[in-house]
Protein backbone atom coordinates (compact mmCIF):
# COMPACT_ATOMS: atom_id res chain seq x y z
CA MET A 1 -23.68 -79.79 -102.38
CA ARG A 2 -24.65 -81.92 -99.43
CA ILE A 3 -28.30 -82.25 -98.48
CA ALA A 4 -27.62 -80.87 -95.00
CA THR A 5 -26.15 -77.72 -96.55
CA ILE A 6 -29.20 -77.31 -98.75
CA GLY A 7 -31.42 -77.68 -95.70
CA VAL A 8 -29.48 -75.00 -93.84
CA LEU A 9 -29.68 -72.64 -96.83
CA LEU A 10 -33.43 -73.18 -97.15
CA ARG A 11 -34.01 -72.52 -93.46
CA ALA A 12 -31.83 -69.40 -93.52
CA SER A 13 -33.55 -68.00 -96.60
CA GLY A 14 -36.95 -68.72 -95.05
CA LEU A 15 -35.92 -66.89 -91.89
CA ILE A 16 -34.68 -63.88 -93.86
CA LEU A 17 -37.85 -63.77 -95.94
CA GLY A 18 -39.99 -63.95 -92.81
CA ILE A 19 -38.07 -61.13 -91.15
CA VAL A 20 -38.39 -58.94 -94.25
CA ALA A 21 -42.14 -59.61 -94.39
CA VAL A 22 -42.61 -58.72 -90.71
CA VAL A 23 -40.56 -55.53 -91.06
CA ALA A 24 -42.54 -54.51 -94.16
CA LEU A 25 -45.77 -55.11 -92.25
CA LEU A 26 -44.60 -53.12 -89.24
CA ILE A 27 -43.41 -50.10 -91.23
CA GLY A 28 -46.63 -50.10 -93.24
CA VAL A 29 -45.50 -50.85 -96.77
CA ASP A 30 -48.56 -50.18 -98.93
CA VAL A 31 -49.07 -52.89 -101.54
CA GLY A 32 -52.42 -51.47 -102.62
CA HIS A 33 -50.80 -49.49 -105.41
CA LEU A 34 -49.38 -52.52 -107.19
CA PRO A 35 -50.57 -53.11 -110.75
CA PRO A 36 -53.14 -55.92 -111.15
CA TRP A 37 -50.83 -58.06 -113.29
CA LEU A 38 -48.26 -58.13 -110.48
CA VAL A 39 -50.91 -59.19 -107.95
CA LYS A 40 -51.98 -61.96 -110.34
CA ILE A 41 -48.40 -63.24 -110.56
CA ALA A 42 -48.13 -63.21 -106.78
CA ILE A 43 -51.33 -65.25 -106.41
CA TYR A 44 -50.13 -67.87 -108.89
CA LYS A 45 -46.75 -68.01 -107.16
CA LEU A 46 -48.40 -68.57 -103.77
CA ALA A 47 -50.53 -71.35 -105.24
CA PHE A 48 -47.42 -72.99 -106.70
CA ILE A 49 -45.59 -72.75 -103.36
CA ALA A 50 -48.57 -74.27 -101.55
CA ALA A 51 -48.70 -77.14 -104.05
CA VAL A 52 -44.98 -77.86 -103.62
CA ALA A 53 -45.30 -77.73 -99.83
CA MET A 54 -48.18 -80.22 -99.93
CA LEU A 55 -46.20 -82.55 -102.20
CA VAL A 56 -43.20 -82.40 -99.85
CA ALA A 57 -45.37 -83.00 -96.79
CA GLY A 58 -46.99 -85.98 -98.50
CA ALA A 59 -43.60 -87.41 -99.40
CA ILE A 60 -42.37 -87.03 -95.81
CA VAL A 61 -45.46 -88.69 -94.35
CA GLY A 62 -45.24 -91.50 -96.90
CA ARG A 63 -41.57 -92.08 -96.14
CA ARG A 64 -42.20 -92.22 -92.39
CA ALA A 65 -45.07 -94.65 -92.94
CA ARG A 66 -42.83 -96.93 -95.03
CA GLU A 67 -40.13 -96.77 -92.34
CA ARG A 68 -42.64 -97.88 -89.68
CA VAL A 69 -43.85 -100.77 -91.83
CA SER A 70 -40.29 -101.90 -92.52
CA ARG A 71 -39.49 -101.83 -88.77
CA GLY A 72 -42.50 -104.01 -88.07
CA ARG A 73 -44.61 -101.53 -86.13
């Protein structure tokens, strides 16, 4: 699979997830009745996603910095 296709799939899935979250918020889905173990899993998953996002952002910034150095800026 080409990298561009993966990028498109990631953006599309992010858009769908965002729309679902907004709709759930607007219709008032009550998550207060979830069992504590499920909330714990969600918190760990969010922490993992944040860590991956920070690693990706660091890699992008590092790559751009190396490109500027190699161009002589």
